N, C-alpha and C. Protein backbone atom coordinates (compact mmCIF):
# COMPACT_ATOMS: atom_id res chain seq x y z
N MET A 1 -26.19 35.86 -14.32
CA MET A 1 -25.78 36.36 -13.41
C MET A 1 -25.26 35.36 -12.49
N PRO A 2 -23.81 35.43 -11.92
CA PRO A 2 -23.29 34.41 -11.01
C PRO A 2 -23.70 34.78 -9.71
N ARG A 3 -23.54 33.64 -8.91
CA ARG A 3 -23.95 33.90 -7.54
C ARG A 3 -22.61 34.37 -6.72
N THR A 4 -22.93 35.14 -5.62
CA THR A 4 -21.92 35.95 -4.90
C THR A 4 -21.81 35.29 -3.66
N LEU A 5 -20.51 35.32 -3.34
CA LEU A 5 -20.14 34.69 -1.88
C LEU A 5 -19.58 35.93 -1.14
N ILE A 6 -19.93 36.40 -0.10
CA ILE A 6 -19.37 37.30 0.95
C ILE A 6 -19.01 36.38 2.10
N ARG A 7 -17.67 36.38 2.26
CA ARG A 7 -17.06 36.05 3.70
C ARG A 7 -16.70 37.03 4.57
N VAL A 8 -17.26 37.16 5.85
CA VAL A 8 -17.10 37.97 6.72
C VAL A 8 -16.40 37.54 8.17
N ASP A 9 -15.59 38.66 8.88
CA ASP A 9 -14.82 37.90 9.75
C ASP A 9 -15.59 37.62 10.92
N GLY A 10 -15.27 36.32 11.70
CA GLY A 10 -16.03 35.73 12.76
C GLY A 10 -17.47 35.25 12.63
N SER A 11 -17.62 34.47 13.77
CA SER A 11 -19.18 33.93 13.85
C SER A 11 -19.80 34.95 14.43
N VAL A 12 -20.57 35.61 13.68
CA VAL A 12 -21.39 36.44 14.13
C VAL A 12 -22.38 36.52 15.23
N ALA A 13 -22.68 37.32 16.09
CA ALA A 13 -23.66 37.04 17.22
C ALA A 13 -25.08 36.76 16.71
N ALA A 14 -25.72 36.03 17.45
CA ALA A 14 -27.17 35.56 17.07
C ALA A 14 -27.81 36.68 16.37
N GLN A 15 -27.67 37.95 17.39
CA GLN A 15 -28.65 39.23 17.02
C GLN A 15 -28.02 40.18 15.64
N VAL A 16 -26.91 39.79 15.28
CA VAL A 16 -26.36 40.22 13.94
C VAL A 16 -26.50 39.37 12.91
N GLU A 17 -26.85 38.15 13.24
CA GLU A 17 -27.29 36.92 12.34
C GLU A 17 -28.47 37.09 11.72
N GLU A 18 -29.24 38.01 13.05
CA GLU A 18 -30.95 37.86 12.51
C GLU A 18 -31.18 39.15 11.57
N ALA A 19 -30.27 40.10 11.85
CA ALA A 19 -30.09 41.74 11.18
C ALA A 19 -29.69 40.99 9.64
N LEU A 20 -28.51 40.42 9.55
CA LEU A 20 -28.48 40.03 8.09
C LEU A 20 -29.39 39.37 7.40
N ALA A 21 -29.72 38.51 8.07
CA ALA A 21 -31.06 37.42 7.37
C ALA A 21 -32.20 38.47 7.08
N ASP A 22 -32.29 39.57 8.17
CA ASP A 22 -33.57 40.48 7.66
C ASP A 22 -33.14 41.54 6.57
N ARG A 23 -32.12 41.92 6.35
CA ARG A 23 -31.67 43.01 5.67
C ARG A 23 -31.33 42.52 4.24
N PHE A 24 -30.95 41.08 4.36
CA PHE A 24 -30.29 40.71 3.07
C PHE A 24 -31.21 39.19 2.76
N ALA A 25 -32.31 39.45 2.59
CA ALA A 25 -33.15 38.34 2.56
C ALA A 25 -32.87 37.65 0.95
N HIS A 26 -32.20 38.04 0.46
CA HIS A 26 -31.78 37.42 -0.95
C HIS A 26 -30.60 36.56 -0.88
N LEU A 27 -30.13 36.75 0.46
CA LEU A 27 -28.75 36.04 0.69
C LEU A 27 -29.17 35.05 1.86
N ALA A 28 -28.30 33.82 1.62
CA ALA A 28 -28.42 32.96 2.66
C ALA A 28 -27.17 32.95 3.47
N VAL A 29 -27.44 33.06 4.97
CA VAL A 29 -26.51 33.31 6.02
C VAL A 29 -26.22 32.07 6.40
N ARG A 30 -24.79 31.57 6.65
CA ARG A 30 -24.57 30.56 7.05
C ARG A 30 -23.16 30.74 7.87
N THR A 31 -23.07 30.08 9.36
CA THR A 31 -21.65 30.33 9.99
C THR A 31 -20.98 28.84 9.60
N ASP A 32 -19.88 29.54 9.43
CA ASP A 32 -18.78 28.58 8.99
C ASP A 32 -17.61 28.99 9.62
N ALA A 33 -17.61 28.42 11.03
CA ALA A 33 -16.62 28.93 12.07
C ALA A 33 -15.04 28.80 11.44
N PRO A 34 -14.30 30.01 11.50
CA PRO A 34 -14.19 31.15 12.42
C PRO A 34 -14.84 32.19 11.34
N THR A 35 -15.59 32.09 10.37
CA THR A 35 -15.86 33.07 9.67
C THR A 35 -17.62 32.94 9.33
N THR A 36 -18.40 33.72 8.76
CA THR A 36 -20.04 33.80 8.26
C THR A 36 -19.95 34.02 7.08
N VAL A 37 -20.55 33.23 6.22
CA VAL A 37 -20.64 33.22 4.87
C VAL A 37 -22.12 33.51 4.39
N LEU A 38 -22.34 34.63 3.35
CA LEU A 38 -23.49 35.04 2.74
C LEU A 38 -23.63 34.78 1.37
N THR A 39 -24.43 33.86 0.69
CA THR A 39 -24.30 33.67 -0.44
C THR A 39 -25.75 33.80 -1.20
N GLY A 40 -25.62 34.11 -2.53
CA GLY A 40 -26.90 34.39 -3.16
C GLY A 40 -26.58 35.24 -4.49
N ARG A 41 -27.68 35.68 -5.00
CA ARG A 41 -27.42 36.59 -6.43
C ARG A 41 -27.29 38.14 -5.97
N VAL A 42 -26.17 38.58 -6.33
CA VAL A 42 -26.22 40.06 -6.46
C VAL A 42 -26.21 40.74 -7.50
N GLU A 43 -27.19 41.34 -8.19
CA GLU A 43 -27.48 41.98 -9.51
C GLU A 43 -26.57 42.85 -10.21
N ASP A 44 -25.98 43.58 -9.59
CA ASP A 44 -25.25 44.63 -9.98
C ASP A 44 -24.18 45.16 -9.31
N PRO A 45 -23.40 46.05 -9.61
CA PRO A 45 -22.16 46.67 -8.64
C PRO A 45 -23.01 47.42 -7.85
N GLU A 46 -24.15 48.43 -8.34
CA GLU A 46 -24.55 49.24 -7.11
C GLU A 46 -24.87 48.36 -5.96
N GLU A 47 -25.88 47.13 -6.33
CA GLU A 47 -26.46 46.30 -5.23
C GLU A 47 -25.38 45.80 -4.16
N LEU A 48 -24.22 45.40 -5.19
CA LEU A 48 -22.98 44.86 -4.34
C LEU A 48 -22.62 46.11 -3.35
N GLY A 49 -22.50 47.26 -3.58
CA GLY A 49 -21.69 48.23 -2.86
C GLY A 49 -22.50 48.61 -1.99
N ASP A 50 -24.25 48.58 -2.30
CA ASP A 50 -25.21 48.67 -1.01
C ASP A 50 -24.86 47.69 0.08
N THR A 51 -24.90 46.62 -0.31
CA THR A 51 -24.85 45.38 0.51
C THR A 51 -23.62 45.45 1.47
N LEU A 52 -22.35 45.85 0.62
CA LEU A 52 -21.16 46.20 1.67
C LEU A 52 -21.07 47.14 2.79
N GLY A 53 -21.95 48.14 2.21
CA GLY A 53 -22.17 49.23 3.06
C GLY A 53 -22.83 48.90 4.43
N ARG A 54 -23.79 48.06 4.10
CA ARG A 54 -24.74 47.70 5.08
C ARG A 54 -24.01 47.00 6.16
N LEU A 55 -23.28 45.99 5.39
CA LEU A 55 -22.36 45.27 6.17
C LEU A 55 -21.62 45.88 7.51
N THR A 56 -20.91 46.91 6.75
CA THR A 56 -20.02 47.95 7.40
C THR A 56 -20.70 48.59 8.45
N ALA A 57 -21.58 48.96 8.38
CA ALA A 57 -22.81 49.86 9.28
C ALA A 57 -22.90 48.83 10.15
N LEU A 58 -23.09 47.44 10.12
CA LEU A 58 -23.60 46.58 11.29
C LEU A 58 -22.24 46.13 12.15
N GLY A 59 -21.09 46.61 11.79
CA GLY A 59 -20.03 46.35 12.05
C GLY A 59 -19.35 45.07 11.82
N VAL A 60 -19.50 44.79 10.52
CA VAL A 60 -19.23 43.30 10.23
C VAL A 60 -17.94 43.54 9.15
N GLY A 61 -16.69 42.77 9.41
CA GLY A 61 -15.84 43.16 8.62
C GLY A 61 -16.04 42.07 7.37
N VAL A 62 -15.64 42.83 6.37
CA VAL A 62 -15.75 41.84 4.94
C VAL A 62 -14.16 41.26 4.86
N LEU A 63 -14.00 39.89 4.76
CA LEU A 63 -12.77 39.43 4.22
C LEU A 63 -12.69 39.20 3.03
N GLU A 64 -14.05 38.88 2.05
CA GLU A 64 -13.60 38.49 0.60
C GLU A 64 -14.93 38.50 0.04
N VAL A 65 -14.97 38.68 -1.44
CA VAL A 65 -16.29 38.63 -2.35
C VAL A 65 -15.69 37.91 -3.32
N VAL A 66 -16.38 36.83 -3.75
CA VAL A 66 -16.23 35.80 -4.72
C VAL A 66 -17.26 35.84 -5.45
N TRP A 67 -17.05 35.56 -6.78
CA TRP A 67 -18.13 35.08 -7.81
C TRP A 67 -18.11 33.70 -8.37
N VAL A 68 -19.14 33.34 -7.91
CA VAL A 68 -19.32 31.74 -8.38
C VAL A 68 -19.90 31.84 -9.48
N PRO A 69 -19.33 30.87 -10.74
CA PRO A 69 -20.27 30.90 -11.77
C PRO A 69 -21.11 30.04 -11.78
N ALA A 70 -22.16 30.37 -12.72
CA ALA A 70 -23.63 29.54 -12.55
C ALA A 70 -23.52 28.18 -12.83
């Protein structure tokens, strides 16, 4: 399974970054101004949909999703 990179809009506030780290323990969260990048393994399309839905619920705008070959 390839690694997944999810780039979101803006440098998220500290409390949102904590929420991301708590809710997405399987993803590393890194601020790369002017965006924030989550990387890790997303096992299947359902998990990706759930992850994107959670980001939306947190008010985080997703800019791109990229699969990085292993």
